[in-house]
Protein backbone atom coordinates (compact mmCIF):
# COMPACT_ATOMS: atom_id res chain seq x y z
CA UNK A 1 0.00 0.00 0.00
CA UNK A 2 1.33 3.40 -1.01
CA UNK A 3 1.58 6.16 1.62
CA UNK A 4 -0.77 9.06 1.15
CA UNK A 5 0.65 11.96 -0.82
CA UNK A 6 0.40 14.20 2.24
CA UNK A 7 2.63 11.79 4.18
CA UNK A 8 5.35 11.77 1.56
CA UNK A 9 5.36 15.52 1.01
CA UNK A 10 4.70 16.65 4.58
CA UNK A 11 6.76 19.65 5.62
CA UNK A 12 8.34 19.85 9.06
CA UNK A 13 7.08 22.96 10.80
CA UNK A 14 9.90 25.28 11.80
CA UNK A 15 13.66 24.84 12.06
CA UNK A 16 14.98 21.51 13.35
CA UNK A 17 16.93 21.63 16.61
CA UNK A 18 20.50 20.51 17.22
CA UNK A 19 19.85 17.75 19.80
CA UNK A 20 18.68 15.22 17.22
CA UNK A 21 15.07 15.04 18.40
CA UNK A 22 11.78 16.19 16.88
CA UNK A 23 12.13 19.48 18.74
CA UNK A 24 12.64 22.79 17.00
CA UNK A 25 15.76 24.92 17.28
CA UNK A 26 13.99 27.25 19.73
CA UNK A 27 13.00 24.36 22.01
CA UNK A 28 16.56 23.00 22.02
CA UNK A 29 18.02 26.43 22.79
CA UNK A 30 15.59 26.95 25.69
CA UNK A 31 16.19 23.47 27.14
CA UNK A 32 19.98 23.71 27.00
CA UNK A 33 19.95 27.30 28.25
CA UNK A 34 17.70 26.48 31.20
CA UNK A 35 19.85 23.53 32.25
CA UNK A 36 23.03 25.60 31.77
CA UNK A 37 21.69 28.28 34.14
CA UNK A 38 21.60 25.85 37.08
CA UNK A 39 25.41 25.73 37.57
CA UNK A 40 25.51 29.53 37.17
CA UNK A 41 22.91 29.77 39.93
CA UNK A 42 24.97 27.46 42.17
CA UNK A 43 28.07 29.56 41.47
CA UNK A 44 26.17 32.72 42.38
CA UNK A 45 25.03 31.22 45.69
CA UNK A 46 28.61 30.13 46.45
CA UNK A 47 29.82 33.68 45.76
CA UNK A 48 27.34 35.32 48.11
CA UNK A 49 28.24 32.84 50.85
CA UNK A 50 31.85 34.01 50.49
CA UNK A 51 30.80 37.66 50.81
CA UNK A 52 31.28 38.45 47.10
CA UNK A 53 28.08 40.47 46.86
CA UNK A 54 28.93 42.45 43.71
CA UNK A 55 29.74 39.28 41.76
CA UNK A 56 26.55 37.66 43.10
CA UNK A 57 24.50 40.64 41.95
CA UNK A 58 26.05 40.57 38.47
CA UNK A 59 25.42 36.84 38.07
CA UNK A 60 21.83 37.21 39.25
CA UNK A 61 21.23 39.97 36.72
CA UNK A 62 22.79 37.71 34.06
CA UNK A 63 20.42 34.89 35.06
CA UNK A 64 17.41 37.21 34.82
CA UNK A 65 18.53 38.44 31.39
CA UNK A 66 19.07 34.84 30.22
CA UNK A 67 15.62 33.83 31.48
CA UNK A 68 14.03 36.76 29.64
CA UNK A 69 15.94 35.85 26.46
CA UNK A 70 14.78 32.23 26.77
CA UNK A 71 11.17 33.38 27.14
CA UNK A 72 11.47 35.58 24.04
CA UNK A 73 13.12 32.80 21.98
CA UNK A 74 10.49 30.31 23.14
CA UNK A 75 7.53 32.58 22.39
CA UNK A 76 8.84 33.52 18.93
CA UNK A 77 9.48 29.85 18.15
CA UNK A 78 6.09 28.47 19.21
CA UNK A 79 3.99 31.38 17.98
CA UNK A 80 5.69 32.33 14.71
CA UNK A 81 8.09 29.60 13.56
CA UNK A 82 7.30 26.05 14.71
CA UNK A 83 4.19 24.05 15.39
CA UNK A 84 5.27 22.21 18.52
CA UNK A 85 2.09 20.10 18.54
CA UNK A 86 2.86 18.58 15.14
CA UNK A 87 6.42 17.88 16.28
CA UNK A 88 5.21 16.35 19.57
CA UNK A 89 2.71 14.07 17.83
CA UNK A 90 5.55 12.41 15.91
CA UNK A 91 4.95 10.07 12.99
CA UNK A 92 5.21 11.63 9.51
CA UNK A 93 7.18 13.67 8.48
CA UNK A 94 9.65 12.30 11.06
CA UNK A 95 9.07 8.66 10.23
CA UNK A 96 8.43 5.94 12.75
CA UNK A 97 5.39 5.51 14.92
CA UNK A 98 3.43 8.39 16.38
CA UNK A 99 4.42 9.53 19.87
CA UNK A 100 2.74 7.20 22.41
CA UNK A 101 2.60 10.03 24.97
CA UNK A 102 0.68 12.33 22.63
CA UNK A 103 -1.60 14.04 23.56
CA UNK A 104 -2.51 13.06 27.15
CA UNK A 105 0.97 12.55 28.65
CA UNK A 106 2.54 15.49 26.83
CA UNK A 107 -0.24 17.90 27.77
CA UNK A 108 -0.25 16.72 31.41
CA UNK A 109 3.52 17.28 31.60
CA UNK A 110 3.10 20.67 29.96
CA UNK A 111 0.43 21.69 32.48
CA UNK A 112 2.67 20.80 35.41
CA UNK A 113 5.64 22.53 33.79
CA UNK A 114 3.67 25.72 33.18
CA UNK A 115 2.94 26.10 36.90
CA UNK A 116 6.67 26.56 37.48
CA UNK A 117 7.55 28.19 34.15
CA UNK A 118 5.03 31.00 34.72
CA UNK A 119 5.81 31.55 38.38
CA UNK A 120 9.61 31.55 37.95
CA UNK A 121 10.03 34.85 36.05
CA UNK A 122 7.45 36.55 38.27
CA UNK A 123 9.20 35.40 41.44
CA UNK A 124 12.67 36.23 40.09
CA UNK A 125 11.53 39.70 39.04
CA UNK A 126 10.17 40.30 42.53
CA UNK A 127 13.33 39.08 44.28
CA UNK A 128 15.61 41.08 41.98
CA UNK A 129 13.47 44.23 42.20
CA UNK A 130 13.48 44.10 45.99
CA UNK A 131 17.22 43.45 46.06
CA UNK A 132 17.92 46.38 43.75
CA UNK A 133 15.72 48.73 45.76
CA UNK A 134 16.46 47.58 49.33
CA UNK A 135 20.16 46.74 49.36
CA UNK A 136 22.79 49.48 49.32
CA UNK A 137 25.04 50.20 46.35
CA UNK A 138 27.49 48.50 46.31
CA UNK A 139 25.56 45.53 47.71
CA UNK A 140 26.20 44.58 51.32
CA UNK A 141 24.29 42.71 54.04
CA UNK A 142 21.37 44.64 55.45
CA UNK A 143 18.06 44.36 57.26
CA UNK A 144 16.43 43.01 54.09
CA UNK A 145 18.82 40.02 54.11
CA UNK A 146 16.65 37.40 55.88
CA UNK A 147 13.62 38.10 53.67
CA UNK A 148 15.81 38.15 50.56
CA UNK A 149 17.36 34.78 51.48
CA UNK A 150 13.94 33.20 51.97
CA UNK A 151 12.50 34.57 48.72
CA UNK A 152 15.70 33.82 46.77
CA UNK A 153 15.65 30.20 47.93
CA UNK A 154 12.04 29.93 46.79
CA UNK A 155 12.96 31.47 43.40
CA UNK A 156 15.93 29.12 43.02
CA UNK A 157 13.74 26.10 43.83
CA UNK A 158 11.18 27.36 41.32
CA UNK A 159 13.88 27.62 38.64
CA UNK A 160 15.11 24.11 39.44
CA UNK A 161 11.57 22.72 39.19
CA UNK A 162 11.07 24.61 35.92
CA UNK A 163 14.19 22.91 34.53
CA UNK A 164 13.15 19.46 35.78
CA UNK A 165 9.55 19.65 34.56
CA UNK A 166 10.69 21.25 31.29
CA UNK A 167 13.10 18.38 30.68
CA UNK A 168 10.34 15.85 31.37
CA UNK A 169 8.00 17.68 29.00
CA UNK A 170 10.73 17.88 26.35
CA UNK A 171 11.43 14.14 26.59
CA UNK A 172 7.76 13.15 26.45
CA UNK A 173 7.00 15.55 23.58
CA UNK A 174 10.08 15.27 21.38
CA UNK A 175 12.07 12.18 22.28
CA UNK A 176 9.53 9.45 23.13
C-alpha atoms as a PDB file:
ATOM      1  CA  UNK A   1       0.000   0.000   0.000  1.00  0.00           C
ATOM      2  CA  UNK A   2       1.334   3.403  -1.006  1.00  0.00           C
ATOM      3  CA  UNK A   3       1.577   6.158   1.623  1.00  0.00           C
ATOM      4  CA  UNK A   4      -0.772   9.059   1.150  1.00  0.00           C
ATOM      5  CA  UNK A   5       0.652  11.964  -0.821  1.00  0.00           C
ATOM      6  CA  UNK A   6       0.401  14.199   2.237  1.00  0.00           C
ATOM      7  CA  UNK A   7       2.634  11.789   4.181  1.00  0.00           C
ATOM      8  CA  UNK A   8       5.354  11.766   1.558  1.00  0.00           C
ATOM      9  CA  UNK A   9       5.361  15.522   1.011  1.00  0.00           C
ATOM     10  CA  UNK A  10       4.701  16.654   4.577  1.00  0.00           C
ATOM     11  CA  UNK A  11       6.764  19.646   5.620  1.00  0.00           C
ATOM     12  CA  UNK A  12       8.340  19.848   9.058  1.00  0.00           C
ATOM     13  CA  UNK A  13       7.081  22.959  10.800  1.00  0.00           C
ATOM     14  CA  UNK A  14       9.904  25.280  11.802  1.00  0.00           C
ATOM     15  CA  UNK A  15      13.657  24.844  12.061  1.00  0.00           C
ATOM     16  CA  UNK A  16      14.981  21.514  13.355  1.00  0.00           C
ATOM     17  CA  UNK A  17      16.930  21.627  16.608  1.00  0.00           C
ATOM     18  CA  UNK A  18      20.505  20.507  17.224  1.00  0.00           C
ATOM     19  CA  UNK A  19      19.853  17.752  19.801  1.00  0.00           C
ATOM     20  CA  UNK A  20      18.679  15.221  17.222  1.00  0.00           C
ATOM     21  CA  UNK A  21      15.067  15.038  18.403  1.00  0.00           C
ATOM     22  CA  UNK A  22      11.780  16.185  16.879  1.00  0.00           C
ATOM     23  CA  UNK A  23      12.127  19.480  18.742  1.00  0.00           C
ATOM     24  CA  UNK A  24      12.643  22.788  16.999  1.00  0.00           C
ATOM     25  CA  UNK A  25      15.755  24.919  17.280  1.00  0.00           C
ATOM     26  CA  UNK A  26      13.993  27.245  19.734  1.00  0.00           C
ATOM     27  CA  UNK A  27      12.998  24.357  22.013  1.00  0.00           C
ATOM     28  CA  UNK A  28      16.564  22.998  22.015  1.00  0.00           C
ATOM     29  CA  UNK A  29      18.023  26.428  22.793  1.00  0.00           C
ATOM     30  CA  UNK A  30      15.594  26.955  25.687  1.00  0.00           C
ATOM     31  CA  UNK A  31      16.195  23.472  27.143  1.00  0.00           C
ATOM     32  CA  UNK A  32      19.984  23.713  26.995  1.00  0.00           C
ATOM     33  CA  UNK A  33      19.947  27.302  28.251  1.00  0.00           C
ATOM     34  CA  UNK A  34      17.701  26.485  31.198  1.00  0.00           C
ATOM     35  CA  UNK A  35      19.850  23.531  32.251  1.00  0.00           C
ATOM     36  CA  UNK A  36      23.033  25.600  31.769  1.00  0.00           C
ATOM     37  CA  UNK A  37      21.690  28.275  34.138  1.00  0.00           C
ATOM     38  CA  UNK A  38      21.596  25.853  37.078  1.00  0.00           C
ATOM     39  CA  UNK A  39      25.405  25.727  37.575  1.00  0.00           C
ATOM     40  CA  UNK A  40      25.507  29.527  37.174  1.00  0.00           C
ATOM     41  CA  UNK A  41      22.912  29.769  39.933  1.00  0.00           C
ATOM     42  CA  UNK A  42      24.968  27.459  42.170  1.00  0.00           C
ATOM     43  CA  UNK A  43      28.071  29.555  41.475  1.00  0.00           C
ATOM     44  CA  UNK A  44      26.171  32.717  42.376  1.00  0.00           C
ATOM     45  CA  UNK A  45      25.034  31.219  45.688  1.00  0.00           C
ATOM     46  CA  UNK A  46      28.606  30.134  46.449  1.00  0.00           C
ATOM     47  CA  UNK A  47      29.822  33.679  45.764  1.00  0.00           C
ATOM     48  CA  UNK A  48      27.338  35.318  48.107  1.00  0.00           C
ATOM     49  CA  UNK A  49      28.244  32.842  50.854  1.00  0.00           C
ATOM     50  CA  UNK A  50      31.851  34.006  50.490  1.00  0.00           C
ATOM     51  CA  UNK A  51      30.804  37.655  50.813  1.00  0.00           C
ATOM     52  CA  UNK A  52      31.283  38.447  47.105  1.00  0.00           C
ATOM     53  CA  UNK A  53      28.077  40.467  46.857  1.00  0.00           C
ATOM     54  CA  UNK A  54      28.925  42.452  43.708  1.00  0.00           C
ATOM     55  CA  UNK A  55      29.741  39.284  41.756  1.00  0.00           C
ATOM     56  CA  UNK A  56      26.553  37.659  43.102  1.00  0.00           C
ATOM     57  CA  UNK A  57      24.497  40.643  41.950  1.00  0.00           C
ATOM     58  CA  UNK A  58      26.047  40.567  38.470  1.00  0.00           C
ATOM     59  CA  UNK A  59      25.420  36.841  38.073  1.00  0.00           C
ATOM     60  CA  UNK A  60      21.829  37.205  39.251  1.00  0.00           C
ATOM     61  CA  UNK A  61      21.228  39.968  36.716  1.00  0.00           C
ATOM     62  CA  UNK A  62      22.792  37.713  34.055  1.00  0.00           C
ATOM     63  CA  UNK A  63      20.420  34.886  35.057  1.00  0.00           C
ATOM     64  CA  UNK A  64      17.413  37.215  34.817  1.00  0.00           C
ATOM     65  CA  UNK A  65      18.532  38.437  31.386  1.00  0.00           C
ATOM     66  CA  UNK A  66      19.071  34.845  30.220  1.00  0.00           C
ATOM     67  CA  UNK A  67      15.624  33.827  31.476  1.00  0.00           C
ATOM     68  CA  UNK A  68      14.032  36.758  29.637  1.00  0.00           C
ATOM     69  CA  UNK A  69      15.941  35.854  26.463  1.00  0.00           C
ATOM     70  CA  UNK A  70      14.781  32.232  26.774  1.00  0.00           C
ATOM     71  CA  UNK A  71      11.172  33.379  27.136  1.00  0.00           C
ATOM     72  CA  UNK A  72      11.473  35.578  24.042  1.00  0.00           C
ATOM     73  CA  UNK A  73      13.119  32.799  21.976  1.00  0.00           C
ATOM     74  CA  UNK A  74      10.493  30.309  23.139  1.00  0.00           C
ATOM     75  CA  UNK A  75       7.532  32.583  22.385  1.00  0.00           C
ATOM     76  CA  UNK A  76       8.838  33.515  18.931  1.00  0.00           C
ATOM     77  CA  UNK A  77       9.477  29.846  18.153  1.00  0.00           C
ATOM     78  CA  UNK A  78       6.094  28.475  19.212  1.00  0.00           C
ATOM     79  CA  UNK A  79       3.993  31.381  17.981  1.00  0.00           C
ATOM     80  CA  UNK A  80       5.693  32.331  14.709  1.00  0.00           C
ATOM     81  CA  UNK A  81       8.087  29.598  13.561  1.00  0.00           C
ATOM     82  CA  UNK A  82       7.299  26.054  14.711  1.00  0.00           C
ATOM     83  CA  UNK A  83       4.190  24.046  15.387  1.00  0.00           C
ATOM     84  CA  UNK A  84       5.270  22.211  18.517  1.00  0.00           C
ATOM     85  CA  UNK A  85       2.086  20.103  18.542  1.00  0.00           C
ATOM     86  CA  UNK A  86       2.857  18.579  15.138  1.00  0.00           C
ATOM     87  CA  UNK A  87       6.417  17.885  16.284  1.00  0.00           C
ATOM     88  CA  UNK A  88       5.210  16.355  19.571  1.00  0.00           C
ATOM     89  CA  UNK A  89       2.711  14.074  17.832  1.00  0.00           C
ATOM     90  CA  UNK A  90       5.546  12.413  15.911  1.00  0.00           C
ATOM     91  CA  UNK A  91       4.952  10.075  12.990  1.00  0.00           C
ATOM     92  CA  UNK A  92       5.212  11.627   9.506  1.00  0.00           C
ATOM     93  CA  UNK A  93       7.177  13.674   8.485  1.00  0.00           C
ATOM     94  CA  UNK A  94       9.654  12.305  11.058  1.00  0.00           C
ATOM     95  CA  UNK A  95       9.067   8.657  10.228  1.00  0.00           C
ATOM     96  CA  UNK A  96       8.433   5.944  12.750  1.00  0.00           C
ATOM     97  CA  UNK A  97       5.390   5.511  14.916  1.00  0.00           C
ATOM     98  CA  UNK A  98       3.429   8.394  16.382  1.00  0.00           C
ATOM     99  CA  UNK A  99       4.424   9.533  19.867  1.00  0.00           C
ATOM    100  CA  UNK A 100       2.744   7.199  22.409  1.00  0.00           C
ATOM    101  CA  UNK A 101       2.605  10.029  24.969  1.00  0.00           C
ATOM    102  CA  UNK A 102       0.676  12.327  22.628  1.00  0.00           C
ATOM    103  CA  UNK A 103      -1.600  14.037  23.565  1.00  0.00           C
ATOM    104  CA  UNK A 104      -2.514  13.060  27.149  1.00  0.00           C
ATOM    105  CA  UNK A 105       0.970  12.546  28.647  1.00  0.00           C
ATOM    106  CA  UNK A 106       2.541  15.492  26.826  1.00  0.00           C
ATOM    107  CA  UNK A 107      -0.236  17.898  27.773  1.00  0.00           C
ATOM    108  CA  UNK A 108      -0.252  16.724  31.409  1.00  0.00           C
ATOM    109  CA  UNK A 109       3.524  17.275  31.604  1.00  0.00           C
ATOM    110  CA  UNK A 110       3.097  20.670  29.965  1.00  0.00           C
ATOM    111  CA  UNK A 111       0.430  21.685  32.475  1.00  0.00           C
ATOM    112  CA  UNK A 112       2.672  20.797  35.415  1.00  0.00           C
ATOM    113  CA  UNK A 113       5.642  22.528  33.789  1.00  0.00           C
ATOM    114  CA  UNK A 114       3.666  25.718  33.179  1.00  0.00           C
ATOM    115  CA  UNK A 115       2.945  26.101  36.901  1.00  0.00           C
ATOM    116  CA  UNK A 116       6.671  26.557  37.480  1.00  0.00           C
ATOM    117  CA  UNK A 117       7.552  28.194  34.146  1.00  0.00           C
ATOM    118  CA  UNK A 118       5.025  30.995  34.716  1.00  0.00           C
ATOM    119  CA  UNK A 119       5.813  31.551  38.384  1.00  0.00           C
ATOM    120  CA  UNK A 120       9.614  31.554  37.946  1.00  0.00           C
ATOM    121  CA  UNK A 121      10.033  34.847  36.049  1.00  0.00           C
ATOM    122  CA  UNK A 122       7.453  36.547  38.273  1.00  0.00           C
ATOM    123  CA  UNK A 123       9.201  35.398  41.443  1.00  0.00           C
ATOM    124  CA  UNK A 124      12.669  36.233  40.094  1.00  0.00           C
ATOM    125  CA  UNK A 125      11.525  39.699  39.036  1.00  0.00           C
ATOM    126  CA  UNK A 126      10.173  40.303  42.526  1.00  0.00           C
ATOM    127  CA  UNK A 127      13.335  39.079  44.279  1.00  0.00           C
ATOM    128  CA  UNK A 128      15.611  41.083  41.984  1.00  0.00           C
ATOM    129  CA  UNK A 129      13.470  44.233  42.196  1.00  0.00           C
ATOM    130  CA  UNK A 130      13.480  44.097  45.994  1.00  0.00           C
ATOM    131  CA  UNK A 131      17.216  43.455  46.061  1.00  0.00           C
ATOM    132  CA  UNK A 132      17.917  46.380  43.748  1.00  0.00           C
ATOM    133  CA  UNK A 133      15.719  48.734  45.763  1.00  0.00           C
ATOM    134  CA  UNK A 134      16.459  47.581  49.328  1.00  0.00           C
ATOM    135  CA  UNK A 135      20.164  46.736  49.363  1.00  0.00           C
ATOM    136  CA  UNK A 136      22.789  49.481  49.315  1.00  0.00           C
ATOM    137  CA  UNK A 137      25.043  50.199  46.350  1.00  0.00           C
ATOM    138  CA  UNK A 138      27.495  48.497  46.310  1.00  0.00           C
ATOM    139  CA  UNK A 139      25.556  45.526  47.710  1.00  0.00           C
ATOM    140  CA  UNK A 140      26.200  44.584  51.323  1.00  0.00           C
ATOM    141  CA  UNK A 141      24.290  42.711  54.040  1.00  0.00           C
ATOM    142  CA  UNK A 142      21.373  44.640  55.454  1.00  0.00           C
ATOM    143  CA  UNK A 143      18.059  44.357  57.265  1.00  0.00           C
ATOM    144  CA  UNK A 144      16.435  43.007  54.086  1.00  0.00           C
ATOM    145  CA  UNK A 145      18.819  40.016  54.109  1.00  0.00           C
ATOM    146  CA  UNK A 146      16.652  37.397  55.878  1.00  0.00           C
ATOM    147  CA  UNK A 147      13.617  38.096  53.665  1.00  0.00           C
ATOM    148  CA  UNK A 148      15.814  38.147  50.564  1.00  0.00           C
ATOM    149  CA  UNK A 149      17.364  34.780  51.481  1.00  0.00           C
ATOM    150  CA  UNK A 150      13.940  33.198  51.970  1.00  0.00           C
ATOM    151  CA  UNK A 151      12.501  34.569  48.723  1.00  0.00           C
ATOM    152  CA  UNK A 152      15.695  33.824  46.773  1.00  0.00           C
ATOM    153  CA  UNK A 153      15.645  30.203  47.930  1.00  0.00           C
ATOM    154  CA  UNK A 154      12.039  29.934  46.788  1.00  0.00           C
ATOM    155  CA  UNK A 155      12.958  31.470  43.404  1.00  0.00           C
ATOM    156  CA  UNK A 156      15.927  29.117  43.021  1.00  0.00           C
ATOM    157  CA  UNK A 157      13.739  26.101  43.827  1.00  0.00           C
ATOM    158  CA  UNK A 158      11.177  27.355  41.317  1.00  0.00           C
ATOM    159  CA  UNK A 159      13.878  27.620  38.636  1.00  0.00           C
ATOM    160  CA  UNK A 160      15.112  24.107  39.440  1.00  0.00           C
ATOM    161  CA  UNK A 161      11.572  22.724  39.194  1.00  0.00           C
ATOM    162  CA  UNK A 162      11.075  24.611  35.921  1.00  0.00           C
ATOM    163  CA  UNK A 163      14.191  22.915  34.526  1.00  0.00           C
ATOM    164  CA  UNK A 164      13.152  19.459  35.776  1.00  0.00           C
ATOM    165  CA  UNK A 165       9.554  19.653  34.563  1.00  0.00           C
ATOM    166  CA  UNK A 166      10.690  21.254  31.293  1.00  0.00           C
ATOM    167  CA  UNK A 167      13.097  18.383  30.680  1.00  0.00           C
ATOM    168  CA  UNK A 168      10.342  15.852  31.366  1.00  0.00           C
ATOM    169  CA  UNK A 169       7.995  17.683  29.001  1.00  0.00           C
ATOM    170  CA  UNK A 170      10.729  17.876  26.346  1.00  0.00           C
ATOM    171  CA  UNK A 171      11.425  14.144  26.594  1.00  0.00           C
ATOM    172  CA  UNK A 172       7.756  13.154  26.449  1.00  0.00           C
ATOM    173  CA  UNK A 173       7.002  15.545  23.585  1.00  0.00           C
ATOM    174  CA  UNK A 174      10.077  15.273  21.382  1.00  0.00           C
ATOM    175  CA  UNK A 175      12.071  12.179  22.277  1.00  0.00           C
ATOM    176  CA  UNK A 176       9.525   9.455  23.132  1.00  0.00           C
END
